[in-house]
Amino acid sequence: MIQYLLVGAGCFLGGCLRNFFSKQWNKSNRSYPIGTFIANVLGAFLIGLFFARFSQVATSLYLFLATGFCGGLTTFSTFNSEVINDFINGNSVKGFYYWMGSFFCSILAVFLGLLCAY
């Protein structure tokens, strides 16, 4: 039961931070959802860092930070919605670059998080 509470508490905090990023940056820069992008890339970096540091030695901390906090911070559904909206609204090139940029930057961020941990 405590594991679910740890994940839930972390998810709450990560979701609050994601909402802050969206409110701060997605409105001011409507041409590109920079708040969502930052949340996803930061969350990817932190998942790499937390995986390397805590996944084998501190399971409860890993559940709180990686599964909970980073799970709440990163937002795959919002990202997908933004990409699909670009395609529907005739912004296929922008949608494609956002999709590929987010994918590659997130993969790179996980790798950098792993490197920083070691």
PDB file of N, CA and C in Angstrom:
ATOM      1  N   MET A   1       0.815  -1.204   0.000  1.00  0.00           N
ATOM      2  CA  MET A   1       0.000   0.000   0.000  1.00  0.00           C
ATOM      3  C   MET A   1       0.857   1.267   0.000  1.00  0.00           C
ATOM      4  N   ILE A   2       1.958   1.235   0.743  1.00  0.00           N
ATOM      5  CA  ILE A   2       2.818   2.417   0.817  1.00  0.00           C
ATOM      6  C   ILE A   2       3.414   2.755  -0.544  1.00  0.00           C
ATOM      7  N   GLN A   3       3.648   1.731  -1.360  1.00  0.00           N
ATOM      8  CA  GLN A   3       4.196   1.969  -2.700  1.00  0.00           C
ATOM      9  C   GLN A   3       3.236   2.812  -3.542  1.00  0.00           C
ATOM     10  N   TYR A   4       1.958   2.547  -3.443  1.00  0.00           N
ATOM     11  CA  TYR A   4       0.964   3.313  -4.203  1.00  0.00           C
ATOM     12  C   TYR A   4       0.891   4.763  -3.714  1.00  0.00           C
ATOM     13  N   LEU A   5       1.029   4.942  -2.423  1.00  0.00           N
ATOM     14  CA  LEU A   5       1.029   6.298  -1.869  1.00  0.00           C
ATOM     15  C   LEU A   5       2.263   7.083  -2.313  1.00  0.00           C
ATOM     16  N   LEU A   6       3.401   6.419  -2.364  1.00  0.00           N
ATOM     17  CA  LEU A   6       4.627   7.078  -2.826  1.00  0.00           C
ATOM     18  C   LEU A   6       4.500   7.508  -4.286  1.00  0.00           C
ATOM     19  N   VAL A   7       4.004   6.608  -5.118  1.00  0.00           N
ATOM     20  CA  VAL A   7       3.815   6.936  -6.537  1.00  0.00           C
ATOM     21  C   VAL A   7       2.799   8.065  -6.680  1.00  0.00           C
ATOM     22  N   GLY A   8       1.698   7.975  -5.941  1.00  0.00           N
ATOM     23  CA  GLY A   8       0.659   9.009  -6.023  1.00  0.00           C
ATOM     24  C   GLY A   8       1.144  10.375  -5.576  1.00  0.00           C
ATOM     25  N   ALA A   9       1.908  10.422  -4.493  1.00  0.00           N
ATOM     26  CA  ALA A   9       2.435  11.705  -4.008  1.00  0.00           C
ATOM     27  C   ALA A   9       3.424  12.299  -5.005  1.00  0.00           C
ATOM     28  N   GLY A  10       4.286  11.457  -5.555  1.00  0.00           N
ATOM     29  CA  GLY A  10       5.231  11.935  -6.560  1.00  0.00           C
ATOM     30  C   GLY A  10       4.524  12.420  -7.814  1.00  0.00           C
ATOM     31  N   CYS A  11       3.511  11.694  -8.229  1.00  0.00           N
ATOM     32  CA  CYS A  11       2.738  12.062  -9.418  1.00  0.00           C
ATOM     33  C   CYS A  11       2.026  13.398  -9.213  1.00  0.00           C
ATOM     34  N   PHE A  12       1.502  13.619  -8.031  1.00  0.00           N
ATOM     35  CA  PHE A  12       0.853  14.884  -7.717  1.00  0.00           C
ATOM     36  C   PHE A  12       1.830  16.047  -7.879  1.00  0.00           C
ATOM     37  N   LEU A  13       3.017  15.911  -7.313  1.00  0.00           N
ATOM     38  CA  LEU A  13       4.010  16.985  -7.398  1.00  0.00           C
ATOM     39  C   LEU A  13       4.502  17.195  -8.828  1.00  0.00           C
ATOM     40  N   GLY A  14       4.760  16.107  -9.543  1.00  0.00           N
ATOM     41  CA  GLY A  14       5.193  16.217 -10.931  1.00  0.00           C
ATOM     42  C   GLY A  14       4.120  16.826 -11.814  1.00  0.00           C
ATOM     43  N   GLY A  15       2.867  16.450 -11.583  1.00  0.00           N
ATOM     44  CA  GLY A  15       1.759  17.013 -12.348  1.00  0.00           C
ATOM     45  C   GLY A  15       1.572  18.495 -12.082  1.00  0.00           C
ATOM     46  N   CYS A  16       1.779  18.899 -10.854  1.00  0.00           N
ATOM     47  CA  CYS A  16       1.699  20.333 -10.530  1.00  0.00           C
ATOM     48  C   CYS A  16       2.793  21.117 -11.256  1.00  0.00           C
ATOM     49  N   LEU A  17       3.998  20.566 -11.304  1.00  0.00           N
ATOM     50  CA  LEU A  17       5.081  21.241 -12.008  1.00  0.00           C
ATOM     51  C   LEU A  17       4.805  21.299 -13.506  1.00  0.00           C
ATOM     52  N   ARG A  18       4.284  20.200 -14.064  1.00  0.00           N
ATOM     53  CA  ARG A  18       3.934  20.185 -15.486  1.00  0.00           C
ATOM     54  C   ARG A  18       2.885  21.239 -15.789  1.00  0.00           C
ATOM     55  N   ASN A  19       1.892  21.360 -14.951  1.00  0.00           N
ATOM     56  CA  ASN A  19       0.853  22.372 -15.138  1.00  0.00           C
ATOM     57  C   ASN A  19       1.446  23.777 -15.084  1.00  0.00           C
ATOM     58  N   PHE A  20       2.374  23.995 -14.170  1.00  0.00           N
ATOM     59  CA  PHE A  20       3.057  25.286 -14.087  1.00  0.00           C
ATOM     60  C   PHE A  20       3.790  25.589 -15.391  1.00  0.00           C
ATOM     61  N   PHE A  21       4.543  24.615 -15.905  1.00  0.00           N
ATOM     62  CA  PHE A  21       5.261  24.811 -17.176  1.00  0.00           C
ATOM     63  C   PHE A  21       4.294  25.158 -18.298  1.00  0.00           C
ATOM     64  N   SER A  22       3.195  24.440 -18.379  1.00  0.00           N
ATOM     65  CA  SER A  22       2.212  24.694 -19.438  1.00  0.00           C
ATOM     66  C   SER A  22       1.606  26.081 -19.309  1.00  0.00           C
ATOM     67  N   LYS A  23       1.238  26.460 -18.099  1.00  0.00           N
ATOM     68  CA  LYS A  23       0.635  27.778 -17.880  1.00  0.00           C
ATOM     69  C   LYS A  23       1.625  28.901 -18.165  1.00  0.00           C
ATOM     70  N   GLN A  24       2.892  28.682 -17.803  1.00  0.00           N
ATOM     71  CA  GLN A  24       3.908  29.717 -17.989  1.00  0.00           C
ATOM     72  C   GLN A  24       4.311  29.903 -19.447  1.00  0.00           C
ATOM     73  N   TRP A  25       4.510  28.795 -20.154  1.00  0.00           N
ATOM     74  CA  TRP A  25       5.158  28.902 -21.455  1.00  0.00           C
ATOM     75  C   TRP A  25       4.305  28.525 -22.658  1.00  0.00           C
ATOM     76  N   ASN A  26       3.299  27.709 -22.498  1.00  0.00           N
ATOM     77  CA  ASN A  26       2.499  27.352 -23.670  1.00  0.00           C
ATOM     78  C   ASN A  26       1.626  28.506 -24.143  1.00  0.00           C
ATOM     79  N   LYS A  27       1.150  29.347 -23.234  1.00  0.00           N
ATOM     80  CA  LYS A  27       0.341  30.501 -23.622  1.00  0.00           C
ATOM     81  C   LYS A  27       1.179  31.567 -24.309  1.00  0.00           C
ATOM     82  N   SER A  28       2.347  31.857 -23.744  1.00  0.00           N
ATOM     83  CA  SER A  28       3.158  32.954 -24.254  1.00  0.00           C
ATOM     84  C   SER A  28       3.792  32.631 -25.600  1.00  0.00           C
ATOM     85  N   ASN A  29       3.884  31.371 -25.922  1.00  0.00           N
ATOM     86  CA  ASN A  29       4.504  30.970 -27.180  1.00  0.00           C
ATOM     87  C   ASN A  29       3.592  29.966 -27.877  1.00  0.00           C
ATOM     88  N   ARG A  30       2.488  30.430 -28.397  1.00  0.00           N
ATOM     89  CA  ARG A  30       1.484  29.542 -28.978  1.00  0.00           C
ATOM     90  C   ARG A  30       1.976  28.800 -30.218  1.00  0.00           C
ATOM     91  N   SER A  31       2.991  29.309 -30.882  1.00  0.00           N
ATOM     92  CA  SER A  31       3.453  28.637 -32.085  1.00  0.00           C
ATOM     93  C   SER A  31       4.210  27.340 -31.758  1.00  0.00           C
ATOM     94  N   TYR A  32       4.671  27.203 -30.542  1.00  0.00           N
ATOM     95  CA  TYR A  32       5.400  26.005 -30.141  1.00  0.00           C
ATOM     96  C   TYR A  32       5.122  25.734 -28.669  1.00  0.00           C
ATOM     97  N   PRO A  33       4.659  24.555 -28.322  1.00  0.00           N
ATOM     98  CA  PRO A  33       4.323  24.246 -26.919  1.00  0.00           C
ATOM     99  C   PRO A  33       5.581  23.975 -26.087  1.00  0.00           C
ATOM    100  N   ILE A  34       6.338  25.010 -25.842  1.00  0.00           N
ATOM    101  CA  ILE A  34       7.623  24.884 -25.166  1.00  0.00           C
ATOM    102  C   ILE A  34       7.477  24.339 -23.741  1.00  0.00           C
ATOM    103  N   GLY A  35       6.375  24.650 -23.063  1.00  0.00           N
ATOM    104  CA  GLY A  35       6.168  24.129 -21.710  1.00  0.00           C
ATOM    105  C   GLY A  35       6.073  22.614 -21.691  1.00  0.00           C
ATOM    106  N   THR A  36       5.344  22.047 -22.636  1.00  0.00           N
ATOM    107  CA  THR A  36       5.229  20.589 -22.739  1.00  0.00           C
ATOM    108  C   THR A  36       6.581  19.982 -23.090  1.00  0.00           C
ATOM    109  N   PHE A  37       7.270  20.608 -24.029  1.00  0.00           N
ATOM    110  CA  PHE A  37       8.587  20.130 -24.441  1.00  0.00           C
ATOM    111  C   PHE A  37       9.555  20.110 -23.257  1.00  0.00           C
ATOM    112  N   ILE A  38       9.597  21.196 -22.489  1.00  0.00           N
ATOM    113  CA  ILE A  38      10.494  21.272 -21.328  1.00  0.00           C
ATOM    114  C   ILE A  38      10.135  20.202 -20.297  1.00  0.00           C
ATOM    115  N   ALA A  39       8.854  20.041 -20.024  1.00  0.00           N
ATOM    116  CA  ALA A  39       8.425  19.032 -19.054  1.00  0.00           C
ATOM    117  C   ALA A  39       8.866  17.642 -19.488  1.00  0.00           C
ATOM    118  N   ASN A  40       8.699  17.326 -20.765  1.00  0.00           N
ATOM    119  CA  ASN A  40       9.045  15.986 -21.243  1.00  0.00           C
ATOM    120  C   ASN A  40      10.551  15.746 -21.255  1.00  0.00           C
ATOM    121  N   VAL A  41      11.327  16.719 -21.700  1.00  0.00           N
ATOM    122  CA  VAL A  41      12.775  16.532 -21.762  1.00  0.00           C
ATOM    123  C   VAL A  41      13.379  16.535 -20.354  1.00  0.00           C
ATOM    124  N   LEU A  42      12.917  17.429 -19.484  1.00  0.00           N
ATOM    125  CA  LEU A  42      13.385  17.427 -18.099  1.00  0.00           C
ATOM    126  C   LEU A  42      13.028  16.109 -17.413  1.00  0.00           C
ATOM    127  N   GLY A  43      11.802  15.645 -17.602  1.00  0.00           N
ATOM    128  CA  GLY A  43      11.387  14.374 -17.015  1.00  0.00           C
ATOM    129  C   GLY A  43      12.224  13.209 -17.531  1.00  0.00           C
ATOM    130  N   ALA A  44      12.562  13.230 -18.813  1.00  0.00           N
ATOM    131  CA  ALA A  44      13.400  12.172 -19.386  1.00  0.00           C
ATOM    132  C   ALA A  44      14.798  12.194 -18.762  1.00  0.00           C
ATOM    133  N   PHE A  45      15.360  13.391 -18.620  1.00  0.00           N
ATOM    134  CA  PHE A  45      16.674  13.514 -17.980  1.00  0.00           C
ATOM    135  C   PHE A  45      16.628  12.971 -16.550  1.00  0.00           C
ATOM    136  N   LEU A  46      15.610  13.377 -15.809  1.00  0.00           N
ATOM    137  CA  LEU A  46      15.500  12.941 -14.412  1.00  0.00           C
ATOM    138  C   LEU A  46      15.277  11.443 -14.301  1.00  0.00           C
ATOM    139  N   ILE A  47      14.515  10.857 -15.222  1.00  0.00           N
ATOM    140  CA  ILE A  47      14.305   9.405 -15.187  1.00  0.00           C
ATOM    141  C   ILE A  47      15.642   8.682 -15.377  1.00  0.00           C
ATOM    142  N   GLY A  48      16.465   9.160 -16.306  1.00  0.00           N
ATOM    143  CA  GLY A  48      17.786   8.551 -16.479  1.00  0.00           C
ATOM    144  C   GLY A  48      18.631   8.671 -15.221  1.00  0.00           C
ATOM    145  N   LEU A  49      18.618   9.848 -14.624  1.00  0.00           N
ATOM    146  CA  LEU A  49      19.372  10.095 -13.401  1.00  0.00           C
ATOM    147  C   LEU A  49      18.869   9.220 -12.254  1.00  0.00           C
ATOM    148  N   PHE A  50      17.560   9.210 -12.053  1.00  0.00           N
ATOM    149  CA  PHE A  50      16.982   8.436 -10.947  1.00  0.00           C
ATOM    150  C   PHE A  50      17.146   6.935 -11.162  1.00  0.00           C
ATOM    151  N   PHE A  51      17.035   6.497 -12.407  1.00  0.00           N
ATOM    152  CA  PHE A  51      17.214   5.075 -12.689  1.00  0.00           C
ATOM    153  C   PHE A  51      18.613   4.632 -12.287  1.00  0.00           C
ATOM    154  N   ALA A  52      19.608   5.405 -12.703  1.00  0.00           N
ATOM    155  CA  ALA A  52      20.992   5.037 -12.400  1.00  0.00           C
ATOM    156  C   ALA A  52      21.293   5.114 -10.907  1.00  0.00           C
ATOM    157  N   ARG A  53      20.719   6.079 -10.226  1.00  0.00           N
ATOM    158  CA  ARG A  53      21.030   6.289  -8.805  1.00  0.00           C
ATOM    159  C   ARG A  53      20.234   5.402  -7.854  1.00  0.00           C
ATOM    160  N   PHE A  54      18.959   5.207  -8.134  1.00  0.00           N
ATOM    161  CA  PHE A  54      18.079   4.642  -7.105  1.00  0.00           C
ATOM    162  C   PHE A  54      17.364   3.345  -7.454  1.00  0.00           C
ATOM    163  N   SER A  55      17.324   2.929  -8.699  1.00  0.00           N
ATOM    164  CA  SER A  55      16.473   1.797  -9.060  1.00  0.00           C
ATOM    165  C   SER A  55      16.876   0.499  -8.371  1.00  0.00           C
ATOM    166  N   GLN A  56      18.163   0.307  -8.103  1.00  0.00           N
ATOM    167  CA  GLN A  56      18.615  -0.941  -7.488  1.00  0.00           C
ATOM    168  C   GLN A  56      18.811  -0.855  -5.976  1.00  0.00           C
ATOM    169  N   VAL A  57      18.962   0.365  -5.458  1.00  0.00           N
ATOM    170  CA  VAL A  57      19.327   0.485  -4.038  1.00  0.00           C
ATOM    171  C   VAL A  57      18.257   1.129  -3.164  1.00  0.00           C
ATOM    172  N   ALA A  58      17.413   1.932  -3.726  1.00  0.00           N
ATOM    173  CA  ALA A  58      16.398   2.642  -2.930  1.00  0.00           C
ATOM    174  C   ALA A  58      15.059   2.576  -3.660  1.00  0.00           C
ATOM    175  N   THR A  59      14.430   1.428  -3.567  1.00  0.00           N
ATOM    176  CA  THR A  59      13.212   1.187  -4.334  1.00  0.00           C
ATOM    177  C   THR A  59      12.112   2.188  -4.009  1.00  0.00           C
ATOM    178  N   SER A  60      11.922   2.516  -2.746  1.00  0.00           N
ATOM    179  CA  SER A  60      10.860   3.460  -2.373  1.00  0.00           C
ATOM    180  C   SER A  60      11.139   4.849  -2.933  1.00  0.00           C
ATOM    181  N   LEU A  61      12.369   5.285  -2.854  1.00  0.00           N
ATOM    182  CA  LEU A  61      12.737   6.586  -3.405  1.00  0.00           C
ATOM    183  C   LEU A  61      12.586   6.588  -4.923  1.00  0.00           C
ATOM    184  N   TYR A  62      12.971   5.487  -5.560  1.00  0.00           N
ATOM    185  CA  TYR A  62      12.814   5.367  -7.009  1.00  0.00           C
ATOM    186  C   TYR A  62      11.340   5.434  -7.401  1.00  0.00           C
ATOM    187  N   LEU A  63      10.488   4.755  -6.667  1.00  0.00           N
ATOM    188  CA  LEU A  63       9.047   4.802  -6.965  1.00  0.00           C
ATOM    189  C   LEU A  63       8.510   6.224  -6.841  1.00  0.00           C
ATOM    190  N   PHE A  64       8.910   6.925  -5.796  1.00  0.00           N
ATOM    191  CA  PHE A  64       8.450   8.299  -5.592  1.00  0.00           C
ATOM    192  C   PHE A  64       8.963   9.226  -6.689  1.00  0.00           C
ATOM    193  N   LEU A  65      10.268   9.165  -6.970  1.00  0.00           N
ATOM    194  CA  LEU A  65      10.885  10.108  -7.904  1.00  0.00           C
ATOM    195  C   LEU A  65      10.649   9.751  -9.368  1.00  0.00           C
ATOM    196  N   ALA A  66      10.984   8.538  -9.762  1.00  0.00           N
ATOM    197  CA  ALA A  66      10.928   8.169 -11.183  1.00  0.00           C
ATOM    198  C   ALA A  66       9.510   7.828 -11.624  1.00  0.00           C
ATOM    199  N   THR A  67       8.904   6.862 -10.951  1.00  0.00           N
ATOM    200  CA  THR A  67       7.566   6.447 -11.360  1.00  0.00           C
ATOM    201  C   THR A  67       6.538   7.531 -11.068  1.00  0.00           C
ATOM    202  N   GLY A  68       6.593   8.106  -9.879  1.00  0.00           N
ATOM    203  CA  GLY A  68       5.609   9.109  -9.490  1.00  0.00           C
ATOM    204  C   GLY A  68       5.888  10.487 -10.057  1.00  0.00           C
ATOM    205  N   PHE A  69       6.956  11.129  -9.575  1.00  0.00           N
ATOM    206  CA  PHE A  69       7.234  12.509  -9.969  1.00  0.00           C
ATOM    207  C   PHE A  69       7.437  12.643 -11.478  1.00  0.00           C
ATOM    208  N   CYS A  70       8.317  11.830 -12.037  1.00  0.00           N
ATOM    209  CA  CYS A  70       8.575  11.936 -13.478  1.00  0.00           C
ATOM    210  C   CYS A  70       7.374  11.481 -14.305  1.00  0.00           C
ATOM    211  N   GLY A  71       6.630  10.515 -13.794  1.00  0.00           N
ATOM    212  CA  GLY A  71       5.410  10.094 -14.481  1.00  0.00           C
ATOM    213  C   GLY A  71       4.380  11.212 -14.530  1.00  0.00           C
ATOM    214  N   GLY A  72       4.275  11.981 -13.456  1.00  0.00           N
ATOM    215  CA  GLY A  72       3.354  13.117 -13.440  1.00  0.00           C
ATOM    216  C   GLY A  72       3.871  14.301 -14.236  1.00  0.00           C
ATOM    217  N   LEU A  73       5.190  14.467 -14.256  1.00  0.00           N
ATOM    218  CA  LEU A  73       5.795  15.588 -14.966  1.00  0.00           C
ATOM    219  C   LEU A  73       5.714  15.416 -16.477  1.00  0.00           C
ATOM    220  N   THR A  74       6.065  14.252 -16.956  1.00  0.00           N
ATOM    221  CA  THR A  74       6.044  14.023 -18.395  1.00  0.00           C
ATOM    222  C   THR A  74       4.609  13.829 -18.852  1.00  0.00           C
ATOM    223  N   THR A  75       4.344  14.187 -20.073  1.00  0.00           N
ATOM    224  CA  THR A  75       2.955  14.235 -20.515  1.00  0.00           C
ATOM    225  C   THR A  75       2.821  13.765 -21.955  1.00  0.00           C
ATOM    226  N   PHE A  76       2.813  12.464 -22.114  1.00  0.00           N
ATOM    227  CA  PHE A  76       2.729  11.874 -23.442  1.00  0.00           C
ATOM    228  C   PHE A  76       1.396  12.171 -24.122  1.00  0.00           C
ATOM    229  N   SER A  77       0.324  12.172 -23.374  1.00  0.00           N
ATOM    230  CA  SER A  77      -0.990  12.422 -23.976  1.00  0.00           C
ATOM    231  C   SER A  77      -1.114  13.853 -24.482  1.00  0.00           C
ATOM    232  N   THR A  78      -0.635  14.834 -23.720  1.00  0.00           N
ATOM    233  CA  THR A  78      -0.674  16.228 -24.177  1.00  0.00           C
ATOM    234  C   THR A  78       0.222  16.397 -25.395  1.00  0.00           C
ATOM    235  N   PHE A  79       1.394  15.810 -25.350  1.00  0.00           N
ATOM    236  CA  PHE A  79       2.314  15.859 -26.487  1.00  0.00           C
ATOM    237  C   PHE A  79       1.641  15.308 -27.747  1.00  0.00           C
ATOM    238  N   ASN A  80       1.010  14.146 -27.633  1.00  0.00           N
ATOM    239  CA  ASN A  80       0.330  13.553 -28.794  1.00  0.00           C
ATOM    240  C   ASN A  80      -0.786  14.445 -29.304  1.00  0.00           C
ATOM    241  N   SER A  81      -1.543  15.012 -28.404  1.00  0.00           N
ATOM    242  CA  SER A  81      -2.631  15.915 -28.787  1.00  0.00           C
ATOM    243  C   SER A  81      -2.099  17.123 -29.546  1.00  0.00           C
ATOM    244  N   GLU A  82      -0.999  17.688 -29.075  1.00  0.00           N
ATOM    245  CA  GLU A  82      -0.408  18.856 -29.746  1.00  0.00           C
ATOM    246  C   GLU A  82       0.095  18.499 -31.142  1.00  0.00           C
ATOM    247  N   VAL A  83       0.716  17.342 -31.281  1.00  0.00           N
ATOM    248  CA  VAL A  83       1.205  16.910 -32.597  1.00  0.00           C
ATOM    249  C   VAL A  83       0.028  16.680 -33.549  1.00  0.00           C
ATOM    250  N   ILE A  84      -0.994  15.982 -33.085  1.00  0.00           N
ATOM    251  CA  ILE A  84      -2.163  15.704 -33.940  1.00  0.00           C
ATOM    252  C   ILE A  84      -2.856  17.001 -34.324  1.00  0.00           C
ATOM    253  N   ASN A  85      -2.977  17.937 -33.385  1.00  0.00           N
ATOM    254  CA  ASN A  85      -3.593  19.229 -33.708  1.00  0.00           C
ATOM    255  C   ASN A  85      -2.812  19.967 -34.789  1.00  0.00           C
ATOM    256  N   ASP A  86      -1.491  19.885 -34.752  1.00  0.00           N
ATOM    257  CA  ASP A  86      -0.695  20.497 -35.815  1.00  0.00           C
ATOM    258  C   ASP A  86      -1.033  19.880 -37.171  1.00  0.00           C
ATOM    259  N   PHE A  87      -1.125  18.566 -37.228  1.00  0.00           N
ATOM    260  CA  PHE A  87      -1.447  17.897 -38.492  1.00  0.00           C
ATOM    261  C   PHE A  87      -2.863  18.247 -38.956  1.00  0.00           C
ATOM    262  N   ILE A  88      -3.816  18.256 -38.040  1.00  0.00           N
ATOM    263  CA  ILE A  88      -5.207  18.582 -38.392  1.00  0.00           C
ATOM    264  C   ILE A  88      -5.326  20.013 -38.891  1.00  0.00           C
ATOM    265  N   ASN A  89      -4.569  20.926 -38.291  1.00  0.00           N
ATOM    266  CA  ASN A  89      -4.653  22.344 -38.646  1.00  0.00           C
ATOM    267  C   ASN A  89      -3.743  22.732 -39.810  1.00  0.00           C
ATOM    268  N   GLY A  90      -3.198  21.758 -40.509  1.00  0.00           N
ATOM    269  CA  GLY A  90      -2.400  22.043 -41.690  1.00  0.00           C
ATOM    270  C   GLY A  90      -0.963  22.424 -41.406  1.00  0.00           C
ATOM    271  N   ASN A  91      -0.505  22.191 -40.180  1.00  0.00           N
ATOM    272  CA  ASN A  91       0.881  22.497 -39.814  1.00  0.00           C
ATOM    273  C   ASN A  91       1.705  21.213 -39.735  1.00  0.00           C
ATOM    274  N   SER A  92       1.650  20.435 -40.798  1.00  0.00           N
ATOM    275  CA  SER A  92       2.301  19.119 -40.797  1.00  0.00           C
ATOM    276  C   SER A  92       3.803  19.200 -40.572  1.00  0.00           C
ATOM    277  N   VAL A  93       4.453  20.178 -41.181  1.00  0.00           N
ATOM    278  CA  VAL A  93       5.906  20.298 -41.024  1.00  0.00           C
ATOM    279  C   VAL A  93       6.254  20.615 -39.574  1.00  0.00           C
ATOM    280  N   LYS A  94       5.540  21.569 -38.979  1.00  0.00           N
ATOM    281  CA  LYS A  94       5.775  21.919 -37.573  1.00  0.00           C
ATOM    282  C   LYS A  94       5.498  20.716 -36.677  1.00  0.00           C
ATOM    283  N   GLY A  95       4.395  20.027 -36.921  1.00  0.00           N
ATOM    284  CA  GLY A  95       4.059  18.843 -36.138  1.00  0.00           C
ATOM    285  C   GLY A  95       5.114  17.768 -36.245  1.00  0.00           C
ATOM    286  N   PHE A  96       5.633  17.561 -37.457  1.00  0.00           N
ATOM    287  CA  PHE A  96       6.675  16.564 -37.662  1.00  0.00           C
ATOM    288  C   PHE A  96       7.938  16.951 -36.898  1.00  0.00           C
ATOM    289  N   TYR A  97       8.366  18.195 -36.992  1.00  0.00           N
ATOM    290  CA  TYR A  97       9.578  18.629 -36.288  1.00  0.00           C
ATOM    291  C   TYR A  97       9.407  18.580 -34.770  1.00  0.00           C
ATOM    292  N   TYR A  98       8.230  18.930 -34.294  1.00  0.00           N
ATOM    293  CA  TYR A  98       7.953  18.852 -32.858  1.00  0.00           C
ATOM    294  C   TYR A  98       8.011  17.402 -32.390  1.00  0.00           C
ATOM    295  N   TRP A  99       7.408  16.516 -33.150  1.00  0.00           N
ATOM    296  CA  TRP A  99       7.388  15.099 -32.831  1.00  0.00           C
ATOM    297  C   TRP A  99       8.809  14.543 -32.797  1.00  0.00           C
ATOM    298  N   MET A 100       9.569  14.757 -33.864  1.00  0.00           N
ATOM    299  CA  MET A 100      10.922  14.209 -33.942  1.00  0.00           C
ATOM    300  C   MET A 100      11.867  14.895 -32.947  1.00  0.00           C
ATOM    301  N   GLY A 101      11.737  16.206 -32.793  1.00  0.00           N
ATOM    302  CA  GLY A 101      12.584  16.922 -31.847  1.00  0.00           C
ATOM    303  C   GLY A 101      12.359  16.458 -30.427  1.00  0.00           C
ATOM    304  N   SER A 102      11.105  16.278 -30.059  1.00  0.00           N
ATOM    305  CA  SER A 102      10.787  15.800 -28.710  1.00  0.00           C
ATOM    306  C   SER A 102      11.319  14.394 -28.494  1.00  0.00           C
ATOM    307  N   PHE A 103      11.145  13.545 -29.492  1.00  0.00           N
ATOM    308  CA  PHE A 103      11.613  12.167 -29.378  1.00  0.00           C
ATOM    309  C   PHE A 103      13.128  12.121 -29.186  1.00  0.00           C
ATOM    310  N   PHE A 104      13.870  12.757 -30.084  1.00  0.00           N
ATOM    311  CA  PHE A 104      15.329  12.694 -30.008  1.00  0.00           C
ATOM    312  C   PHE A 104      15.884  13.425 -28.787  1.00  0.00           C
ATOM    313  N   CYS A 105      15.310  14.559 -28.447  1.00  0.00           N
ATOM    314  CA  CYS A 105      15.787  15.288 -27.259  1.00  0.00           C
ATOM    315  C   CYS A 105      15.513  14.502 -25.984  1.00  0.00           C
ATOM    316  N   SER A 106      14.386  13.809 -25.921  1.00  0.00           N
ATOM    317  CA  SER A 106      14.066  13.009 -24.736  1.00  0.00           C
ATOM    318  C   SER A 106      14.989  11.809 -24.607  1.00  0.00           C
ATOM    319  N   ILE A 107      15.272  11.137 -25.714  1.00  0.00           N
ATOM    320  CA  ILE A 107      16.209  10.007 -25.682  1.00  0.00           C
ATOM    321  C   ILE A 107      17.594  10.496 -25.238  1.00  0.00           C
ATOM    322  N   LEU A 108      18.028  11.603 -25.807  1.00  0.00           N
ATOM    323  CA  LEU A 108      19.317  12.184 -25.432  1.00  0.00           C
ATOM    324  C   LEU A 108      19.320  12.578 -23.953  1.00  0.00           C
ATOM    325  N   ALA A 109      18.216  13.126 -23.468  1.00  0.00           N
ATOM    326  CA  ALA A 109      18.128  13.546 -22.068  1.00  0.00           C
ATOM    327  C   ALA A 109      18.235  12.355 -21.120  1.00  0.00           C
ATOM    328  N   VAL A 110      17.600  11.235 -21.444  1.00  0.00           N
ATOM    329  CA  VAL A 110      17.735  10.038 -20.604  1.00  0.00           C
ATOM    330  C   VAL A 110      19.201   9.608 -20.567  1.00  0.00           C
ATOM    331  N   PHE A 111      19.834   9.593 -21.723  1.00  0.00           N
ATOM    332  CA  PHE A 111      21.243   9.215 -21.803  1.00  0.00           C
ATOM    333  C   PHE A 111      22.116  10.160 -20.970  1.00  0.00           C
ATOM    334  N   LEU A 112      21.871  11.459 -21.074  1.00  0.00           N
ATOM    335  CA  LEU A 112      22.641  12.429 -20.286  1.00  0.00           C
ATOM    336  C   LEU A 112      22.394  12.265 -18.788  1.00  0.00           C
ATOM    337  N   GLY A 113      21.148  11.973 -18.426  1.00  0.00           N
ATOM    338  CA  GLY A 113      20.845  11.696 -17.020  1.00  0.00           C
ATOM    339  C   GLY A 113      21.607  10.500 -16.495  1.00  0.00           C
ATOM    340  N   LEU A 114      21.684   9.446 -17.310  1.00  0.00           N
ATOM    341  CA  LEU A 114      22.467   8.268 -16.926  1.00  0.00           C
ATOM    342  C   LEU A 114      23.944   8.621 -16.776  1.00  0.00           C
ATOM    343  N   LEU A 115      24.470   9.396 -17.732  1.00  0.00           N
ATOM    344  CA  LEU A 115      25.881   9.799 -17.659  1.00  0.00           C
ATOM    345  C   LEU A 115      26.174  10.641 -16.420  1.00  0.00           C
ATOM    346  N   CYS A 116      25.277  11.543 -16.095  1.00  0.00           N
ATOM    347  CA  CYS A 116      25.477  12.404 -14.918  1.00  0.00           C
ATOM    348  C   CYS A 116      25.474  11.603 -13.626  1.00  0.00           C
ATOM    349  N   ALA A 117      24.755  10.502 -13.619  1.00  0.00           N
ATOM    350  CA  ALA A 117      24.649   9.693 -12.403  1.00  0.00           C
ATOM    351  C   ALA A 117      25.884   8.854 -12.163  1.00  0.00           C
ATOM    352  N   TYR A 118      26.606   8.534 -13.224  1.00  0.00           N
ATOM    353  CA  TYR A 118      27.769   7.637 -13.071  1.00  0.00           C
ATOM    354  C   TYR A 118      29.022   8.401 -12.940  1.00  0.00           C
TER     355      TYR A 118
END
